[in-house]
Amino acid sequence: MLQILIHILPQEIDQLEQLLIQLKYSSNYISPEDKVIVDAVLNLNLVEWDKSTLPKSFFIDKFNNLEKLTQTWAETKFEVNEDGTIQGCVSHRRRAANYTEAKAILAADPDMVFSPTLLYHLINAIKMIPDEYYILTPQVTPMWDESWRVLVNENYLHEPAGEGFKTRDPYKHAQCAGEVSIRPIDQFKFGGGWMTVISTPLLKYVGVPDGFGHYGLEDTFIMTCSQIMRQKGMNVRQFILENEVIVEDQLFRFNPYKQHLETINKQEEFKRNAHANFEAEVIKFVNTK
């Protein structure tokens, strides 16, 4: 079983709809024997609802109807969280790492665009990988800097890194760009919510430390710990799913609820907390594993 994790804020409900429609299309290519669970959380904790002109029921109703769409092809676990336990994607991923019984976990940000065949190729790649500890990533177009070059599809290697991805049309460039295969690489590099698949044994072995709170650095932590595991002689590898290209939608993404929701932005606070605890968590991993 593959477990797909999706965390959204209320203002991202329309992006969630687009993501789930893409997954619905993608499900047409997979076998009924290929079990998938879609684990989605609607985080209502970061809105001052008494100061907002749209009620929380508006978002809850749409969220529940999107679960009905998803139930036509997958097992679902849709949760409306109001008790503060899930305030970001990291707390959602931490909980999943602790309880999941799936073979692997896929983290999906709601603004990702991908080809209809991605799910089929990811599931089949998982079946082909013999390793217990692995990371599997689709390819991307050029990103911020050259460190992401290892993930870039060959059709885009002529393009420089930089800010160009912010104006890239995701519906033109997210595609199956040729014959699909998997290729191991000698390093670890991935974006946390970029349709990245992590084997459950690896995720449980490394964990998502409580010290990181709700948002930030869990992907960097997994990369760092994977490298440490490899240095200790453990077999940990990252595989690239060649020619399945995904694109983050920064061109058409917008927030139609900006004037209707009084949101609470804790992203920088959460990131500062994660950065403050990162080194200690790595040291703890080295000393205990």
C-alpha atoms as a PDB file:
ATOM      1  CA  MET A   1       0.000   0.000   0.000  1.00  0.00           C
ATOM      2  CA  LEU A   2       1.102   3.540  -0.797  1.00  0.00           C
ATOM      3  CA  GLN A   3      -0.020   6.261   1.607  1.00  0.00           C
ATOM      4  CA  ILE A   4      -0.341   9.771   0.152  1.00  0.00           C
ATOM      5  CA  LEU A   5      -0.030  12.580   2.702  1.00  0.00           C
ATOM      6  CA  ILE A   6      -1.618  15.964   2.001  1.00  0.00           C
ATOM      7  CA  HIS A   7      -1.789  18.846   4.477  1.00  0.00           C
ATOM      8  CA  ILE A   8      -3.740  21.987   3.610  1.00  0.00           C
ATOM      9  CA  LEU A   9      -4.820  25.273   5.123  1.00  0.00           C
ATOM     10  CA  PRO A  10      -8.365  26.503   4.382  1.00  0.00           C
ATOM     11  CA  GLN A  11      -7.130  28.958   1.735  1.00  0.00           C
ATOM     12  CA  GLU A  12      -5.637  25.993  -0.162  1.00  0.00           C
ATOM     13  CA  ILE A  13      -8.929  24.109  -0.539  1.00  0.00           C
ATOM     14  CA  ASP A  14      -9.163  24.842  -4.283  1.00  0.00           C
ATOM     15  CA  GLN A  15      -5.593  23.635  -4.801  1.00  0.00           C
ATOM     16  CA  LEU A  16      -6.538  20.453  -2.968  1.00  0.00           C
ATOM     17  CA  GLU A  17      -9.428  20.001  -5.389  1.00  0.00           C
ATOM     18  CA  GLN A  18      -7.072  20.298  -8.362  1.00  0.00           C
ATOM     19  CA  LEU A  19      -4.621  17.854  -6.789  1.00  0.00           C
ATOM     20  CA  LEU A  20      -7.309  15.276  -6.037  1.00  0.00           C
ATOM     21  CA  ILE A  21      -8.733  15.562  -9.549  1.00  0.00           C
ATOM     22  CA  GLN A  22      -5.253  14.881 -10.930  1.00  0.00           C
ATOM     23  CA  LEU A  23      -4.918  11.853  -8.665  1.00  0.00           C
ATOM     24  CA  LYS A  24      -8.357  10.647  -9.771  1.00  0.00           C
ATOM     25  CA  TYR A  25      -7.228  10.776 -13.415  1.00  0.00           C
ATOM     26  CA  SER A  26      -3.965   9.093 -12.476  1.00  0.00           C
ATOM     27  CA  SER A  27      -5.838   6.291 -10.726  1.00  0.00           C
ATOM     28  CA  ASN A  28      -7.207   5.142 -14.102  1.00  0.00           C
ATOM     29  CA  TYR A  29      -3.755   3.757 -14.921  1.00  0.00           C
ATOM     30  CA  ILE A  30      -3.203   1.675 -11.800  1.00  0.00           C
ATOM     31  CA  SER A  31      -4.399  -1.837 -11.028  1.00  0.00           C
ATOM     32  CA  PRO A  32      -7.204  -2.437  -8.501  1.00  0.00           C
ATOM     33  CA  GLU A  33      -4.685  -4.581  -6.620  1.00  0.00           C
ATOM     34  CA  ASP A  34      -2.480  -1.507  -6.083  1.00  0.00           C
ATOM     35  CA  LYS A  35      -3.892  -0.203  -2.826  1.00  0.00           C
ATOM     36  CA  VAL A  36      -3.595   3.514  -2.080  1.00  0.00           C
ATOM     37  CA  ILE A  37      -4.687   5.486   0.956  1.00  0.00           C
ATOM     38  CA  VAL A  38      -5.106   9.249   0.684  1.00  0.00           C
ATOM     39  CA  ASP A  39      -4.435  10.778   4.100  1.00  0.00           C
ATOM     40  CA  ALA A  40      -5.487  14.448   4.037  1.00  0.00           C
ATOM     41  CA  VAL A  41      -5.700  16.993   6.847  1.00  0.00           C
ATOM     42  CA  LEU A  42      -7.604  20.283   6.741  1.00  0.00           C
ATOM     43  CA  ASN A  43      -5.802  22.445   9.301  1.00  0.00           C
ATOM     44  CA  LEU A  44      -8.252  24.980  10.803  1.00  0.00           C
ATOM     45  CA  ASN A  45      -5.928  26.059  13.613  1.00  0.00           C
ATOM     46  CA  LEU A  46      -4.340  29.055  11.881  1.00  0.00           C
ATOM     47  CA  VAL A  47      -7.424  31.192  11.215  1.00  0.00           C
ATOM     48  CA  GLU A  48      -9.187  33.645  13.519  1.00  0.00           C
ATOM     49  CA  TRP A  49     -12.663  32.480  12.602  1.00  0.00           C
ATOM     50  CA  ASP A  50     -14.488  35.117  14.622  1.00  0.00           C
ATOM     51  CA  LYS A  51     -12.808  37.783  12.481  1.00  0.00           C
ATOM     52  CA  SER A  52     -13.394  36.003   9.152  1.00  0.00           C
ATOM     53  CA  THR A  53     -16.337  36.522   6.812  1.00  0.00           C
ATOM     54  CA  LEU A  54     -16.434  32.910   5.630  1.00  0.00           C
ATOM     55  CA  PRO A  55     -17.356  30.252   8.211  1.00  0.00           C
ATOM     56  CA  LYS A  56     -15.280  27.158   8.754  1.00  0.00           C
ATOM     57  CA  SER A  57     -18.274  25.096   7.625  1.00  0.00           C
ATOM     58  CA  PHE A  58     -17.703  26.352   4.057  1.00  0.00           C
ATOM     59  CA  PHE A  59     -14.285  24.694   3.940  1.00  0.00           C
ATOM     60  CA  ILE A  60     -15.322  21.606   5.891  1.00  0.00           C
ATOM     61  CA  ASP A  61     -18.199  20.916   3.495  1.00  0.00           C
ATOM     62  CA  LYS A  62     -15.957  21.171   0.440  1.00  0.00           C
ATOM     63  CA  PHE A  63     -13.288  19.039   2.118  1.00  0.00           C
ATOM     64  CA  ASN A  64     -15.841  16.323   2.897  1.00  0.00           C
ATOM     65  CA  ASN A  65     -17.153  16.319  -0.669  1.00  0.00           C
ATOM     66  CA  LEU A  66     -13.606  15.974  -1.993  1.00  0.00           C
ATOM     67  CA  GLU A  67     -13.262  12.895   0.183  1.00  0.00           C
ATOM     68  CA  LYS A  68     -16.295  11.411  -1.598  1.00  0.00           C
ATOM     69  CA  LEU A  69     -14.523  11.994  -4.925  1.00  0.00           C
ATOM     70  CA  THR A  70     -11.386  10.293  -3.635  1.00  0.00           C
ATOM     71  CA  GLN A  71     -13.268   7.335  -2.171  1.00  0.00           C
ATOM     72  CA  THR A  72     -14.173   6.277  -5.723  1.00  0.00           C
ATOM     73  CA  TRP A  73     -10.637   4.979  -6.215  1.00  0.00           C
ATOM     74  CA  ALA A  74      -8.718   4.979  -2.904  1.00  0.00           C
ATOM     75  CA  GLU A  75      -9.062   4.317   0.783  1.00  0.00           C
ATOM     76  CA  THR A  76      -9.319   7.664   2.544  1.00  0.00           C
ATOM     77  CA  LYS A  77      -8.417   9.222   5.857  1.00  0.00           C
ATOM     78  CA  PHE A  78      -9.688  12.811   5.751  1.00  0.00           C
ATOM     79  CA  GLU A  79      -9.394  14.769   8.994  1.00  0.00           C
ATOM     80  CA  VAL A  80     -10.536  18.235  10.004  1.00  0.00           C
ATOM     81  CA  ASN A  81      -8.062  19.296  12.698  1.00  0.00           C
ATOM     82  CA  GLU A  82      -9.033  21.993  15.177  1.00  0.00           C
ATOM     83  CA  ASP A  83      -7.277  20.844  18.355  1.00  0.00           C
ATOM     84  CA  GLY A  84      -3.832  22.229  17.447  1.00  0.00           C
ATOM     85  CA  THR A  85      -2.121  18.864  17.116  1.00  0.00           C
ATOM     86  CA  ILE A  86      -1.612  19.342  13.364  1.00  0.00           C
ATOM     87  CA  GLN A  87      -0.551  22.872  12.451  1.00  0.00           C
ATOM     88  CA  GLY A  88       1.719  22.101   9.527  1.00  0.00           C
ATOM     89  CA  CYS A  89       2.871  19.438   7.097  1.00  0.00           C
ATOM     90  CA  VAL A  90       5.652  18.259   9.429  1.00  0.00           C
ATOM     91  CA  SER A  91       3.347  17.378  12.325  1.00  0.00           C
ATOM     92  CA  HIS A  92       1.133  15.523   9.840  1.00  0.00           C
ATOM     93  CA  ARG A  93       4.110  13.596   8.453  1.00  0.00           C
ATOM     94  CA  ARG A  94       5.394  12.826  11.952  1.00  0.00           C
ATOM     95  CA  ARG A  95       2.100  11.272  12.951  1.00  0.00           C
ATOM     96  CA  ALA A  96       1.946   9.245   9.750  1.00  0.00           C
ATOM     97  CA  ALA A  97       5.494   7.985  10.282  1.00  0.00           C
ATOM     98  CA  ASN A  98       4.447   6.710  13.690  1.00  0.00           C
ATOM     99  CA  TYR A  99       1.267   4.873  12.728  1.00  0.00           C
ATOM    100  CA  THR A 100       1.440   3.951   9.044  1.00  0.00           C
ATOM    101  CA  GLU A 101       1.270   0.337   7.922  1.00  0.00           C
ATOM    102  CA  ALA A 102       1.809   1.254   4.263  1.00  0.00           C
ATOM    103  CA  LYS A 103       4.875   0.063   2.381  1.00  0.00           C
ATOM    104  CA  ALA A 104       5.822   3.647   1.508  1.00  0.00           C
ATOM    105  CA  ILE A 105       4.666   7.213   2.035  1.00  0.00           C
ATOM    106  CA  LEU A 106       4.290   9.875  -0.632  1.00  0.00           C
ATOM    107  CA  ALA A 107       4.173  13.522   0.459  1.00  0.00           C
ATOM    108  CA  ALA A 108       2.203  15.806  -1.881  1.00  0.00           C
ATOM    109  CA  ASP A 109       1.927  19.570  -1.636  1.00  0.00           C
ATOM    110  CA  PRO A 110      -1.438  20.803  -2.938  1.00  0.00           C
ATOM    111  CA  ASP A 111       0.123  22.959  -5.676  1.00  0.00           C
ATOM    112  CA  MET A 112       1.918  20.138  -7.492  1.00  0.00           C
ATOM    113  CA  VAL A 113       1.113  19.372 -11.143  1.00  0.00           C
ATOM    114  CA  PHE A 114       2.039  16.024 -12.692  1.00  0.00           C
ATOM    115  CA  SER A 115       1.220  13.705 -15.582  1.00  0.00           C
ATOM    116  CA  PRO A 116      -1.708  11.241 -15.451  1.00  0.00           C
ATOM    117  CA  THR A 117       0.748   8.322 -15.504  1.00  0.00           C
ATOM    118  CA  LEU A 118       2.819   9.411 -12.494  1.00  0.00           C
ATOM    119  CA  LEU A 119       1.002   7.285  -9.930  1.00  0.00           C
ATOM    120  CA  TYR A 120       1.274   4.190 -12.132  1.00  0.00           C
ATOM    121  CA  HIS A 121       5.011   4.672 -12.642  1.00  0.00           C
ATOM    122  CA  LEU A 122       5.681   5.414  -8.970  1.00  0.00           C
ATOM    123  CA  ILE A 123       3.840   2.296  -7.814  1.00  0.00           C
ATOM    124  CA  ASN A 124       5.609   0.110 -10.347  1.00  0.00           C
ATOM    125  CA  ALA A 125       8.975   1.604  -9.418  1.00  0.00           C
ATOM    126  CA  ILE A 126       8.332   0.761  -5.760  1.00  0.00           C
ATOM    127  CA  LYS A 127       7.766  -2.871  -6.778  1.00  0.00           C
ATOM    128  CA  MET A 128      11.102  -2.881  -8.626  1.00  0.00           C
ATOM    129  CA  ILE A 129      13.253  -1.432  -5.838  1.00  0.00           C
ATOM    130  CA  PRO A 130      14.769  -4.240  -3.737  1.00  0.00           C
ATOM    131  CA  ASP A 131      16.082  -1.952  -0.990  1.00  0.00           C
ATOM    132  CA  GLU A 132      14.465  -1.675   2.423  1.00  0.00           C
ATOM    133  CA  TYR A 133      15.608   1.919   2.879  1.00  0.00           C
ATOM    134  CA  TYR A 134      15.009   4.121  -0.157  1.00  0.00           C
ATOM    135  CA  ILE A 135      13.798   7.467  -1.480  1.00  0.00           C
ATOM    136  CA  LEU A 136      12.116   7.756  -4.875  1.00  0.00           C
ATOM    137  CA  THR A 137      11.631  11.093  -6.627  1.00  0.00           C
ATOM    138  CA  PRO A 138      10.168  12.254  -9.938  1.00  0.00           C
ATOM    139  CA  GLN A 139      12.170  14.688 -12.022  1.00  0.00           C
ATOM    140  CA  VAL A 140      11.780  18.463 -12.070  1.00  0.00           C
ATOM    141  CA  THR A 141      12.603  21.479 -14.194  1.00  0.00           C
ATOM    142  CA  PRO A 142      15.505  23.772 -13.143  1.00  0.00           C
ATOM    143  CA  MET A 143      15.058  25.218  -9.666  1.00  0.00           C
ATOM    144  CA  TRP A 144      16.726  27.863  -7.474  1.00  0.00           C
ATOM    145  CA  ASP A 145      20.330  26.746  -7.779  1.00  0.00           C
ATOM    146  CA  GLU A 146      22.635  24.089  -9.189  1.00  0.00           C
ATOM    147  CA  SER A 147      22.232  21.790  -6.177  1.00  0.00           C
ATOM    148  CA  TRP A 148      18.892  20.702  -7.657  1.00  0.00           C
ATOM    149  CA  ARG A 149      20.454  19.783 -11.010  1.00  0.00           C
ATOM    150  CA  VAL A 150      20.538  16.076 -10.098  1.00  0.00           C
ATOM    151  CA  LEU A 151      16.726  16.019 -10.237  1.00  0.00           C
ATOM    152  CA  VAL A 152      16.363  17.955 -13.491  1.00  0.00           C
ATOM    153  CA  ASN A 153      15.012  16.121 -16.538  1.00  0.00           C
ATOM    154  CA  GLU A 154      17.428  15.920 -19.470  1.00  0.00           C
ATOM    155  CA  ASN A 155      15.122  18.002 -21.687  1.00  0.00           C
ATOM    156  CA  TYR A 156      15.744  20.970 -19.378  1.00  0.00           C
ATOM    157  CA  LEU A 157      19.446  20.606 -18.623  1.00  0.00           C
ATOM    158  CA  HIS A 158      20.241  23.410 -21.070  1.00  0.00           C
ATOM    159  CA  GLU A 159      18.265  25.871 -18.933  1.00  0.00           C
ATOM    160  CA  PRO A 160      20.041  27.706 -16.112  1.00  0.00           C
ATOM    161  CA  ALA A 161      18.996  27.489 -12.491  1.00  0.00           C
ATOM    162  CA  GLY A 162      17.309  30.538 -11.045  1.00  0.00           C
ATOM    163  CA  GLU A 163      13.873  32.061 -10.713  1.00  0.00           C
ATOM    164  CA  GLY A 164      12.523  30.857 -14.059  1.00  0.00           C
ATOM    165  CA  PHE A 165      10.447  28.104 -12.491  1.00  0.00           C
ATOM    166  CA  LYS A 166       8.178  30.750 -10.953  1.00  0.00           C
ATOM    167  CA  THR A 167       6.790  31.676 -14.362  1.00  0.00           C
ATOM    168  CA  ARG A 168       6.785  28.198 -15.890  1.00  0.00           C
ATOM    169  CA  ASP A 169       3.399  26.935 -17.120  1.00  0.00           C
ATOM    170  CA  PRO A 170       2.960  23.758 -15.071  1.00  0.00           C
ATOM    171  CA  TYR A 171       0.270  22.362 -17.373  1.00  0.00           C
ATOM    172  CA  LYS A 172       2.661  22.525 -20.299  1.00  0.00           C
ATOM    173  CA  HIS A 173       5.781  21.148 -18.650  1.00  0.00           C
ATOM    174  CA  ALA A 174       4.465  18.605 -16.125  1.00  0.00           C
ATOM    175  CA  GLN A 175       4.502  15.530 -18.321  1.00  0.00           C
ATOM    176  CA  CYS A 176       5.708  12.049 -19.063  1.00  0.00           C
ATOM    177  CA  ALA A 177       8.645  13.167 -21.219  1.00  0.00           C
ATOM    178  CA  GLY A 178       9.823   9.815 -22.609  1.00  0.00           C
ATOM    179  CA  GLU A 179      10.534   6.235 -21.631  1.00  0.00           C
ATOM    180  CA  VAL A 180      10.266   5.899 -17.867  1.00  0.00           C
ATOM    181  CA  SER A 181      12.940   4.138 -15.836  1.00  0.00           C
ATOM    182  CA  ILE A 182      14.491   4.307 -12.381  1.00  0.00           C
ATOM    183  CA  ARG A 183      18.075   5.314 -11.791  1.00  0.00           C
ATOM    184  CA  PRO A 184      19.990   5.338  -8.480  1.00  0.00           C
ATOM    185  CA  ILE A 185      22.022   8.425  -7.622  1.00  0.00           C
ATOM    186  CA  ASP A 186      24.974   8.855  -5.284  1.00  0.00           C
ATOM    187  CA  GLN A 187      23.474  11.629  -3.178  1.00  0.00           C
ATOM    188  CA  PHE A 188      20.250  12.574  -1.429  1.00  0.00           C
ATOM    189  CA  LYS A 189      18.231  15.495  -2.752  1.00  0.00           C
ATOM    190  CA  PHE A 190      14.495  16.013  -2.750  1.00  0.00           C
ATOM    191  CA  GLY A 191      11.696  18.406  -1.880  1.00  0.00           C
ATOM    192  CA  GLY A 192       9.517  17.291   0.980  1.00  0.00           C
ATOM    193  CA  GLY A 193       6.143  17.634  -0.733  1.00  0.00           C
ATOM    194  CA  TRP A 194       7.209  17.138  -4.348  1.00  0.00           C
ATOM    195  CA  MET A 195       5.563  13.735  -4.783  1.00  0.00           C
ATOM    196  CA  THR A 196       8.556  12.242  -2.971  1.00  0.00           C
ATOM    197  CA  VAL A 197       8.205   8.606  -1.918  1.00  0.00           C
ATOM    198  CA  ILE A 198      10.022   7.411   1.201  1.00  0.00           C
ATOM    199  CA  SER A 199       9.999   3.766   2.235  1.00  0.00           C
ATOM    200  CA  THR A 200       8.269   3.211   5.542  1.00  0.00           C
ATOM    201  CA  PRO A 201      11.261   1.377   7.087  1.00  0.00           C
ATOM    202  CA  LEU A 202      13.482   4.385   6.337  1.00  0.00           C
ATOM    203  CA  LEU A 203      10.927   6.864   7.624  1.00  0.00           C
ATOM    204  CA  LYS A 204      10.427   4.907  10.842  1.00  0.00           C
ATOM    205  CA  TYR A 205      14.164   4.403  11.349  1.00  0.00           C
ATOM    206  CA  VAL A 206      14.985   8.096  10.905  1.00  0.00           C
ATOM    207  CA  GLY A 207      11.748   9.490  12.290  1.00  0.00           C
ATOM    208  CA  VAL A 208      10.409  13.031  12.254  1.00  0.00           C
ATOM    209  CA  PRO A 209      11.667  14.508  15.539  1.00  0.00           C
ATOM    210  CA  ASP A 210       9.255  16.285  17.873  1.00  0.00           C
ATOM    211  CA  GLY A 211      11.811  19.093  18.071  1.00  0.00           C
ATOM    212  CA  PHE A 212      10.946  20.204  14.538  1.00  0.00           C
ATOM    213  CA  GLY A 213       7.427  21.111  15.579  1.00  0.00           C
ATOM    214  CA  HIS A 214       4.951  21.690  12.791  1.00  0.00           C
ATOM    215  CA  TYR A 215       6.951  22.948   9.799  1.00  0.00           C
ATOM    216  CA  GLY A 216      10.438  22.919   8.356  1.00  0.00           C
ATOM    217  CA  LEU A 217      13.593  20.843   7.787  1.00  0.00           C
ATOM    218  CA  GLU A 218      12.197  17.316   8.024  1.00  0.00           C
ATOM    219  CA  ASP A 219      13.311  16.694   4.426  1.00  0.00           C
ATOM    220  CA  THR A 220      16.823  18.008   5.143  1.00  0.00           C
ATOM    221  CA  PHE A 221      16.917  15.850   8.274  1.00  0.00           C
ATOM    222  CA  ILE A 222      15.985  12.705   6.339  1.00  0.00           C
ATOM    223  CA  MET A 223      18.658  13.494   3.724  1.00  0.00           C
ATOM    224  CA  THR A 224      21.283  14.092   6.422  1.00  0.00           C
ATOM    225  CA  CYS A 225      20.411  10.943   8.352  1.00  0.00           C
ATOM    226  CA  SER A 226      20.329   8.862   5.169  1.00  0.00           C
ATOM    227  CA  GLN A 227      23.882   9.973   4.421  1.00  0.00           C
ATOM    228  CA  ILE A 228      24.937   9.093   7.975  1.00  0.00           C
ATOM    229  CA  MET A 229      23.351   5.660   7.618  1.00  0.00           C
ATOM    230  CA  ARG A 230      25.258   5.120   4.381  1.00  0.00           C
ATOM    231  CA  GLN A 231      28.525   6.149   6.063  1.00  0.00           C
ATOM    232  CA  LYS A 232      27.836   3.493   8.699  1.00  0.00           C
ATOM    233  CA  GLY A 233      27.587   0.869   5.970  1.00  0.00           C
ATOM    234  CA  MET A 234      23.807   0.686   5.699  1.00  0.00           C
ATOM    235  CA  ASN A 235      22.216   0.333   2.271  1.00  0.00           C
ATOM    236  CA  VAL A 236      20.263   3.538   1.693  1.00  0.00           C
ATOM    237  CA  ARG A 237      19.666   4.849  -1.808  1.00  0.00           C
ATOM    238  CA  GLN A 238      17.740   7.488  -3.663  1.00  0.00           C
ATOM    239  CA  PHE A 239      16.234   6.641  -7.041  1.00  0.00           C
ATOM    240  CA  ILE A 240      15.166   9.030  -9.779  1.00  0.00           C
ATOM    241  CA  LEU A 241      12.009   8.254 -11.761  1.00  0.00           C
ATOM    242  CA  GLU A 242      13.324   9.412 -15.106  1.00  0.00           C
ATOM    243  CA  ASN A 243      10.982  11.237 -17.517  1.00  0.00           C
ATOM    244  CA  GLU A 244       8.122  11.750 -15.091  1.00  0.00           C
ATOM    245  CA  VAL A 245       8.391  15.524 -14.690  1.00  0.00           C
ATOM    246  CA  ILE A 246       6.482  17.392 -11.992  1.00  0.00           C
ATOM    247  CA  VAL A 247       6.124  21.164 -11.656  1.00  0.00           C
ATOM    248  CA  GLU A 248       5.090  23.294  -8.706  1.00  0.00           C
ATOM    249  CA  ASP A 249       2.358  25.703  -9.797  1.00  0.00           C
ATOM    250  CA  GLN A 250       3.640  29.154  -8.982  1.00  0.00           C
ATOM    251  CA  LEU A 251       2.256  30.785 -12.129  1.00  0.00           C
ATOM    252  CA  PHE A 252      -1.483  30.249 -11.640  1.00  0.00           C
ATOM    253  CA  ARG A 253      -1.608  29.734  -7.886  1.00  0.00           C
ATOM    254  CA  PHE A 254      -3.606  32.397  -6.067  1.00  0.00           C
ATOM    255  CA  ASN A 255      -5.611  32.840  -2.878  1.00  0.00           C
ATOM    256  CA  PRO A 256      -9.249  33.791  -3.591  1.00  0.00           C
ATOM    257  CA  TYR A 257     -10.019  33.776   0.128  1.00  0.00           C
ATOM    258  CA  LYS A 258      -7.533  36.451   1.158  1.00  0.00           C
ATOM    259  CA  GLN A 259     -10.213  39.050   1.859  1.00  0.00           C
ATOM    260  CA  HIS A 260     -12.430  36.559   3.677  1.00  0.00           C
ATOM    261  CA  LEU A 261     -10.074  34.851   6.121  1.00  0.00           C
ATOM    262  CA  GLU A 262      -8.126  36.366   8.990  1.00  0.00           C
ATOM    263  CA  THR A 263      -5.176  34.001   8.858  1.00  0.00           C
ATOM    264  CA  ILE A 264      -2.424  33.485  11.421  1.00  0.00           C
ATOM    265  CA  ASN A 265       0.984  33.146   9.780  1.00  0.00           C
ATOM    266  CA  LYS A 266       3.341  31.109  11.956  1.00  0.00           C
ATOM    267  CA  GLN A 267       5.548  29.816   9.151  1.00  0.00           C
ATOM    268  CA  GLU A 268       8.632  31.826  10.125  1.00  0.00           C
ATOM    269  CA  GLU A 269       8.158  30.986  13.795  1.00  0.00           C
ATOM    270  CA  PHE A 270       7.900  27.300  12.967  1.00  0.00           C
ATOM    271  CA  LYS A 271      10.966  27.464  10.719  1.00  0.00           C
ATOM    272  CA  ARG A 272      13.042  29.210  13.407  1.00  0.00           C
ATOM    273  CA  ASN A 273      12.133  26.468  15.851  1.00  0.00           C
ATOM    274  CA  ALA A 274      13.127  23.742  13.393  1.00  0.00           C
ATOM    275  CA  HIS A 275      16.462  25.432  12.646  1.00  0.00           C
ATOM    276  CA  ALA A 276      17.163  25.907  16.365  1.00  0.00           C
ATOM    277  CA  ASN A 277      16.717  22.177  17.024  1.00  0.00           C
ATOM    278  CA  PHE A 278      18.223  20.734  13.854  1.00  0.00           C
ATOM    279  CA  GLU A 279      21.815  20.167  15.021  1.00  0.00           C
ATOM    280  CA  ALA A 280      20.716  18.632  18.325  1.00  0.00           C
ATOM    281  CA  GLU A 281      18.384  16.233  16.539  1.00  0.00           C
ATOM    282  CA  VAL A 282      21.149  15.113  14.168  1.00  0.00           C
ATOM    283  CA  ILE A 283      23.504  14.519  17.091  1.00  0.00           C
ATOM    284  CA  LYS A 284      20.794  12.537  18.865  1.00  0.00           C
ATOM    285  CA  PHE A 285      20.342  10.400  15.752  1.00  0.00           C
ATOM    286  CA  VAL A 286      24.095   9.733  15.502  1.00  0.00           C
ATOM    287  CA  ASN A 287      24.318   8.766  19.166  1.00  0.00           C
ATOM    288  CA  THR A 288      21.253   6.530  19.308  1.00  0.00           C
ATOM    289  CA  LYS A 289      21.266   4.701  15.961  1.00  0.00           C
END
